[in-house]
């Protein structure tokens, strides 16, 4: 049986991306019109539309169904991360290959969403791909790796029950990694942690 949760995620994102894109296109047309007042307001709305678009695109890859034999362009992944984290306290750096299987992109994005929770005062998340391996580094002035969430990840398993909706990525990451044939490995320090995927 298909993963119904992933299919629901894909459906929701698919149905939202078109109207959000249309709003963005409309904002671009308004901005190009001569004599339009409120340019600052238009810029604010356009920026918000870009962030919403980035969130939906990231959620579609991270929480949606990862079809077999489907690749994601590295440039698309970078664009999604830029739109998602633009204007936030988290700096993101990624150096993906030209293309990667969608299942691996899903693993990488779920790992980024997990890493975000540890950077309570902001910081930097870096993703790198070398010899087919994915490495994530998180750095920040104050890390908060909740043992309830991160200890199971370090053991390559999902946390026990009691997750909040904002923590669902911790339950999905080990399953997605296993499905992609990956093993999770975590090392942590005071201001940095490394997650190998």
C-alpha atoms as a PDB file:
ATOM      1  CA  UNK A   1       0.000   0.000   0.000  1.00  0.00           C
ATOM      2  CA  UNK A   2       1.240   3.499  -0.815  1.00  0.00           C
ATOM      3  CA  UNK A   3       2.385   5.860   1.950  1.00  0.00           C
ATOM      4  CA  UNK A   4      -0.882   7.760   2.374  1.00  0.00           C
ATOM      5  CA  UNK A   5       0.682  10.467   4.538  1.00  0.00           C
ATOM      6  CA  UNK A   6       3.232  11.277   1.830  1.00  0.00           C
ATOM      7  CA  UNK A   7       0.527  11.258  -0.829  1.00  0.00           C
ATOM      8  CA  UNK A   8      -1.604  13.668   1.226  1.00  0.00           C
ATOM      9  CA  UNK A   9       1.434  15.932   1.641  1.00  0.00           C
ATOM     10  CA  UNK A  10       2.060  15.844  -2.102  1.00  0.00           C
ATOM     11  CA  UNK A  11      -1.582  16.610  -2.868  1.00  0.00           C
ATOM     12  CA  UNK A  12      -1.788  19.581  -0.495  1.00  0.00           C
ATOM     13  CA  UNK A  13       1.440  21.090  -1.816  1.00  0.00           C
ATOM     14  CA  UNK A  14       0.447  20.451  -5.440  1.00  0.00           C
ATOM     15  CA  UNK A  15      -2.903  22.170  -4.943  1.00  0.00           C
ATOM     16  CA  UNK A  16      -1.368  25.195  -3.181  1.00  0.00           C
ATOM     17  CA  UNK A  17       1.615  25.819  -5.464  1.00  0.00           C
ATOM     18  CA  UNK A  18      -0.448  27.003  -8.450  1.00  0.00           C
ATOM     19  CA  UNK A  19      -2.424  29.755  -6.679  1.00  0.00           C
ATOM     20  CA  UNK A  20       0.669  30.949  -4.801  1.00  0.00           C
ATOM     21  CA  UNK A  21       2.568  31.082  -8.102  1.00  0.00           C
ATOM     22  CA  UNK A  22      -0.295  33.007  -9.694  1.00  0.00           C
ATOM     23  CA  UNK A  23      -0.211  35.572  -6.874  1.00  0.00           C
ATOM     24  CA  UNK A  24       3.533  35.957  -7.416  1.00  0.00           C
ATOM     25  CA  UNK A  25       3.032  36.476 -11.158  1.00  0.00           C
ATOM     26  CA  UNK A  26       0.321  39.052 -10.464  1.00  0.00           C
ATOM     27  CA  UNK A  27       2.629  40.919  -8.093  1.00  0.00           C
ATOM     28  CA  UNK A  28       5.349  41.016 -10.767  1.00  0.00           C
ATOM     29  CA  UNK A  29       2.884  42.479 -13.272  1.00  0.00           C
ATOM     30  CA  UNK A  30       1.739  45.102 -10.775  1.00  0.00           C
ATOM     31  CA  UNK A  31       5.333  46.060 -10.001  1.00  0.00           C
ATOM     32  CA  UNK A  32       6.030  46.584 -13.732  1.00  0.00           C
ATOM     33  CA  UNK A  33       2.972  48.809 -14.215  1.00  0.00           C
ATOM     34  CA  UNK A  34       3.842  52.523 -14.466  1.00  0.00           C
ATOM     35  CA  UNK A  35       2.429  54.823 -11.819  1.00  0.00           C
ATOM     36  CA  UNK A  36       1.616  52.130  -9.257  1.00  0.00           C
ATOM     37  CA  UNK A  37       1.736  53.513  -5.732  1.00  0.00           C
ATOM     38  CA  UNK A  38       2.943  51.530  -2.746  1.00  0.00           C
ATOM     39  CA  UNK A  39       6.113  49.999  -4.168  1.00  0.00           C
ATOM     40  CA  UNK A  40       7.347  49.117  -0.662  1.00  0.00           C
ATOM     41  CA  UNK A  41       4.095  47.315   0.066  1.00  0.00           C
ATOM     42  CA  UNK A  42       4.323  45.445  -3.234  1.00  0.00           C
ATOM     43  CA  UNK A  43       7.896  44.416  -2.410  1.00  0.00           C
ATOM     44  CA  UNK A  44       6.787  43.145   1.007  1.00  0.00           C
ATOM     45  CA  UNK A  45       3.944  41.110  -0.516  1.00  0.00           C
ATOM     46  CA  UNK A  46       6.224  39.755  -3.247  1.00  0.00           C
ATOM     47  CA  UNK A  47       8.788  38.710  -0.643  1.00  0.00           C
ATOM     48  CA  UNK A  48       6.085  36.963   1.393  1.00  0.00           C
ATOM     49  CA  UNK A  49       4.848  35.139  -1.705  1.00  0.00           C
ATOM     50  CA  UNK A  50       8.412  33.983  -2.460  1.00  0.00           C
ATOM     51  CA  UNK A  51       8.787  32.666   1.114  1.00  0.00           C
ATOM     52  CA  UNK A  52       5.421  30.854   0.924  1.00  0.00           C
ATOM     53  CA  UNK A  53       6.381  29.379  -2.441  1.00  0.00           C
ATOM     54  CA  UNK A  54       9.711  28.216  -1.017  1.00  0.00           C
ATOM     55  CA  UNK A  55       8.004  26.624   1.975  1.00  0.00           C
ATOM     56  CA  UNK A  56       5.510  24.735  -0.160  1.00  0.00           C
ATOM     57  CA  UNK A  57       8.248  23.532  -2.521  1.00  0.00           C
ATOM     58  CA  UNK A  58      10.400  22.398   0.420  1.00  0.00           C
ATOM     59  CA  UNK A  59       7.450  20.691   2.133  1.00  0.00           C
ATOM     60  CA  UNK A  60       6.506  18.966  -1.131  1.00  0.00           C
ATOM     61  CA  UNK A  61       9.972  17.413  -1.403  1.00  0.00           C
ATOM     62  CA  UNK A  62      10.442  16.720   2.312  1.00  0.00           C
ATOM     63  CA  UNK A  63       6.971  15.423   3.174  1.00  0.00           C
ATOM     64  CA  UNK A  64       5.602  14.330  -0.192  1.00  0.00           C
ATOM     65  CA  UNK A  65       5.919  11.047  -2.023  1.00  0.00           C
ATOM     66  CA  UNK A  66       9.415  10.412  -3.409  1.00  0.00           C
ATOM     67  CA  UNK A  67       8.814   8.713  -6.749  1.00  0.00           C
ATOM     68  CA  UNK A  68      11.385   6.177  -7.879  1.00  0.00           C
ATOM     69  CA  UNK A  69      13.549   7.110 -10.823  1.00  0.00           C
ATOM     70  CA  UNK A  70      12.795  10.823 -10.379  1.00  0.00           C
ATOM     71  CA  UNK A  71      15.718  13.231 -10.012  1.00  0.00           C
ATOM     72  CA  UNK A  72      15.862  16.694  -8.478  1.00  0.00           C
ATOM     73  CA  UNK A  73      18.175  19.301  -9.982  1.00  0.00           C
ATOM     74  CA  UNK A  74      20.792  20.641  -7.598  1.00  0.00           C
ATOM     75  CA  UNK A  75      19.965  24.203  -8.643  1.00  0.00           C
ATOM     76  CA  UNK A  76      16.310  23.632  -7.749  1.00  0.00           C
ATOM     77  CA  UNK A  77      17.300  22.399  -4.294  1.00  0.00           C
ATOM     78  CA  UNK A  78      19.453  25.493  -3.727  1.00  0.00           C
ATOM     79  CA  UNK A  79      16.594  27.763  -4.849  1.00  0.00           C
ATOM     80  CA  UNK A  80      14.142  26.059  -2.505  1.00  0.00           C
ATOM     81  CA  UNK A  81      16.499  26.424   0.465  1.00  0.00           C
ATOM     82  CA  UNK A  82      17.208  30.080  -0.371  1.00  0.00           C
ATOM     83  CA  UNK A  83      13.508  30.899  -0.585  1.00  0.00           C
ATOM     84  CA  UNK A  84      12.720  28.981   2.600  1.00  0.00           C
ATOM     85  CA  UNK A  85      15.469  30.497   4.750  1.00  0.00           C
ATOM     86  CA  UNK A  86      15.761  33.941   3.132  1.00  0.00           C
ATOM     87  CA  UNK A  87      15.343  36.672   5.716  1.00  0.00           C
ATOM     88  CA  UNK A  88      15.612  34.250   8.657  1.00  0.00           C
ATOM     89  CA  UNK A  89      18.234  33.935  11.398  1.00  0.00           C
ATOM     90  CA  UNK A  90      19.542  30.779   9.747  1.00  0.00           C
ATOM     91  CA  UNK A  91      22.128  30.971   6.999  1.00  0.00           C
ATOM     92  CA  UNK A  92      22.049  28.042   4.605  1.00  0.00           C
ATOM     93  CA  UNK A  93      24.858  26.789   2.380  1.00  0.00           C
ATOM     94  CA  UNK A  94      24.497  23.877  -0.019  1.00  0.00           C
ATOM     95  CA  UNK A  95      26.729  22.429  -2.692  1.00  0.00           C
ATOM     96  CA  UNK A  96      24.610  19.695  -4.274  1.00  0.00           C
ATOM     97  CA  UNK A  97      25.472  17.706  -7.386  1.00  0.00           C
ATOM     98  CA  UNK A  98      23.863  18.663 -10.700  1.00  0.00           C
ATOM     99  CA  UNK A  99      21.070  16.146 -10.007  1.00  0.00           C
ATOM    100  CA  UNK A 100      20.189  13.628  -7.322  1.00  0.00           C
ATOM    101  CA  UNK A 101      17.467  11.041  -6.750  1.00  0.00           C
ATOM    102  CA  UNK A 102      14.355  12.547  -5.205  1.00  0.00           C
ATOM    103  CA  UNK A 103      14.618  10.130  -2.266  1.00  0.00           C
ATOM    104  CA  UNK A 104      18.040  11.572  -1.345  1.00  0.00           C
ATOM    105  CA  UNK A 105      16.759  15.137  -1.705  1.00  0.00           C
ATOM    106  CA  UNK A 106      13.964  14.179   0.698  1.00  0.00           C
ATOM    107  CA  UNK A 107      16.497  12.855   3.233  1.00  0.00           C
ATOM    108  CA  UNK A 108      18.609  16.015   2.945  1.00  0.00           C
ATOM    109  CA  UNK A 109      15.635  18.355   3.426  1.00  0.00           C
ATOM    110  CA  UNK A 110      14.247  16.401   6.377  1.00  0.00           C
ATOM    111  CA  UNK A 111      17.718  16.593   7.964  1.00  0.00           C
ATOM    112  CA  UNK A 112      17.781  20.371   7.398  1.00  0.00           C
ATOM    113  CA  UNK A 113      14.372  20.714   9.071  1.00  0.00           C
ATOM    114  CA  UNK A 114      15.676  18.699  12.031  1.00  0.00           C
ATOM    115  CA  UNK A 115      18.831  20.819  12.209  1.00  0.00           C
ATOM    116  CA  UNK A 116      16.795  24.015  12.234  1.00  0.00           C
ATOM    117  CA  UNK A 117      15.255  23.046  15.601  1.00  0.00           C
ATOM    118  CA  UNK A 118      18.693  22.965  17.245  1.00  0.00           C
ATOM    119  CA  UNK A 119      19.603  26.521  16.203  1.00  0.00           C
ATOM    120  CA  UNK A 120      17.443  28.382  18.712  1.00  0.00           C
ATOM    121  CA  UNK A 121      19.346  31.661  18.273  1.00  0.00           C
ATOM    122  CA  UNK A 122      20.067  31.221  14.612  1.00  0.00           C
ATOM    123  CA  UNK A 123      23.216  29.974  13.000  1.00  0.00           C
ATOM    124  CA  UNK A 124      24.409  28.211   9.905  1.00  0.00           C
ATOM    125  CA  UNK A 125      23.435  24.938   8.233  1.00  0.00           C
ATOM    126  CA  UNK A 126      25.768  23.580   5.555  1.00  0.00           C
ATOM    127  CA  UNK A 127      25.004  20.641   3.267  1.00  0.00           C
ATOM    128  CA  UNK A 128      27.679  18.959   1.204  1.00  0.00           C
ATOM    129  CA  UNK A 129      27.764  15.969  -1.119  1.00  0.00           C
ATOM    130  CA  UNK A 130      31.050  14.107  -1.537  1.00  0.00           C
ATOM    131  CA  UNK A 131      31.543  10.721  -3.150  1.00  0.00           C
ATOM    132  CA  UNK A 132      27.833  10.048  -2.914  1.00  0.00           C
ATOM    133  CA  UNK A 133      27.693  10.833   0.816  1.00  0.00           C
ATOM    134  CA  UNK A 134      25.647  13.683   2.281  1.00  0.00           C
ATOM    135  CA  UNK A 135      26.994  15.628   5.247  1.00  0.00           C
ATOM    136  CA  UNK A 136      25.132  18.270   7.231  1.00  0.00           C
ATOM    137  CA  UNK A 137      26.845  20.637   9.634  1.00  0.00           C
ATOM    138  CA  UNK A 138      24.949  22.884  12.011  1.00  0.00           C
ATOM    139  CA  UNK A 139      26.690  25.710  13.849  1.00  0.00           C
ATOM    140  CA  UNK A 140      25.302  28.311  16.201  1.00  0.00           C
ATOM    141  CA  UNK A 141      26.033  30.280  19.357  1.00  0.00           C
ATOM    142  CA  UNK A 142      23.538  28.242  21.366  1.00  0.00           C
ATOM    143  CA  UNK A 143      22.667  24.737  20.294  1.00  0.00           C
ATOM    144  CA  UNK A 144      19.712  22.903  21.758  1.00  0.00           C
ATOM    145  CA  UNK A 145      19.684  19.268  20.666  1.00  0.00           C
ATOM    146  CA  UNK A 146      16.724  17.921  22.604  1.00  0.00           C
ATOM    147  CA  UNK A 147      17.776  14.393  23.710  1.00  0.00           C
ATOM    148  CA  UNK A 148      14.190  13.161  23.263  1.00  0.00           C
ATOM    149  CA  UNK A 149      14.535  13.934  19.523  1.00  0.00           C
ATOM    150  CA  UNK A 150      18.254  13.686  18.773  1.00  0.00           C
ATOM    151  CA  UNK A 151      19.264  10.584  20.765  1.00  0.00           C
ATOM    152  CA  UNK A 152      17.008   8.359  18.618  1.00  0.00           C
ATOM    153  CA  UNK A 153      18.357  10.037  15.442  1.00  0.00           C
ATOM    154  CA  UNK A 154      21.900   9.248  16.635  1.00  0.00           C
ATOM    155  CA  UNK A 155      20.760   5.621  16.914  1.00  0.00           C
ATOM    156  CA  UNK A 156      19.167   5.700  13.436  1.00  0.00           C
ATOM    157  CA  UNK A 157      15.608   5.349  14.695  1.00  0.00           C
ATOM    158  CA  UNK A 158      12.543   7.515  15.073  1.00  0.00           C
ATOM    159  CA  UNK A 159      11.713   9.093  18.427  1.00  0.00           C
ATOM    160  CA  UNK A 160       9.007   7.487  20.518  1.00  0.00           C
ATOM    161  CA  UNK A 161       5.474   8.825  20.641  1.00  0.00           C
ATOM    162  CA  UNK A 162       4.687  12.323  21.843  1.00  0.00           C
ATOM    163  CA  UNK A 163       5.941  14.363  18.909  1.00  0.00           C
ATOM    164  CA  UNK A 164       4.405  17.748  18.190  1.00  0.00           C
ATOM    165  CA  UNK A 165       3.484  18.715  14.613  1.00  0.00           C
ATOM    166  CA  UNK A 166       6.652  20.871  14.488  1.00  0.00           C
ATOM    167  CA  UNK A 167       8.744  17.761  15.217  1.00  0.00           C
ATOM    168  CA  UNK A 168       7.313  15.343  12.638  1.00  0.00           C
ATOM    169  CA  UNK A 169      10.542  15.500  10.578  1.00  0.00           C
ATOM    170  CA  UNK A 170      12.311  13.558  13.352  1.00  0.00           C
ATOM    171  CA  UNK A 171       9.941  10.625  12.818  1.00  0.00           C
ATOM    172  CA  UNK A 172      10.226  10.792   9.016  1.00  0.00           C
ATOM    173  CA  UNK A 173      14.023  11.201   8.659  1.00  0.00           C
ATOM    174  CA  UNK A 174      15.066   7.680   9.801  1.00  0.00           C
ATOM    175  CA  UNK A 175      12.414   6.048   7.604  1.00  0.00           C
ATOM    176  CA  UNK A 176      13.393   8.124   4.551  1.00  0.00           C
ATOM    177  CA  UNK A 177      17.096   7.419   5.175  1.00  0.00           C
ATOM    178  CA  UNK A 178      16.427   3.689   5.467  1.00  0.00           C
ATOM    179  CA  UNK A 179      14.350   3.722   2.267  1.00  0.00           C
ATOM    180  CA  UNK A 180      17.211   5.514   0.473  1.00  0.00           C
ATOM    181  CA  UNK A 181      19.725   2.954   1.790  1.00  0.00           C
ATOM    182  CA  UNK A 182      21.395   5.470   4.104  1.00  0.00           C
ATOM    183  CA  UNK A 183      22.594   5.224   7.704  1.00  0.00           C
ATOM    184  CA  UNK A 184      22.424   8.224  10.022  1.00  0.00           C
ATOM    185  CA  UNK A 185      25.448   9.179  12.096  1.00  0.00           C
ATOM    186  CA  UNK A 186      25.527  12.121  14.544  1.00  0.00           C
ATOM    187  CA  UNK A 187      28.371  13.828  16.380  1.00  0.00           C
ATOM    188  CA  UNK A 188      27.855  16.923  18.515  1.00  0.00           C
ATOM    189  CA  UNK A 189      29.753  19.585  20.385  1.00  0.00           C
ATOM    190  CA  UNK A 190      28.913  22.825  22.160  1.00  0.00           C
ATOM    191  CA  UNK A 191      28.532  25.013  19.085  1.00  0.00           C
ATOM    192  CA  UNK A 192      28.516  22.485  16.227  1.00  0.00           C
ATOM    193  CA  UNK A 193      26.957  19.185  15.266  1.00  0.00           C
ATOM    194  CA  UNK A 194      27.513  16.962  12.245  1.00  0.00           C
ATOM    195  CA  UNK A 195      24.974  14.602  10.722  1.00  0.00           C
ATOM    196  CA  UNK A 196      26.158  12.138   8.097  1.00  0.00           C
ATOM    197  CA  UNK A 197      23.451  10.751   5.819  1.00  0.00           C
END
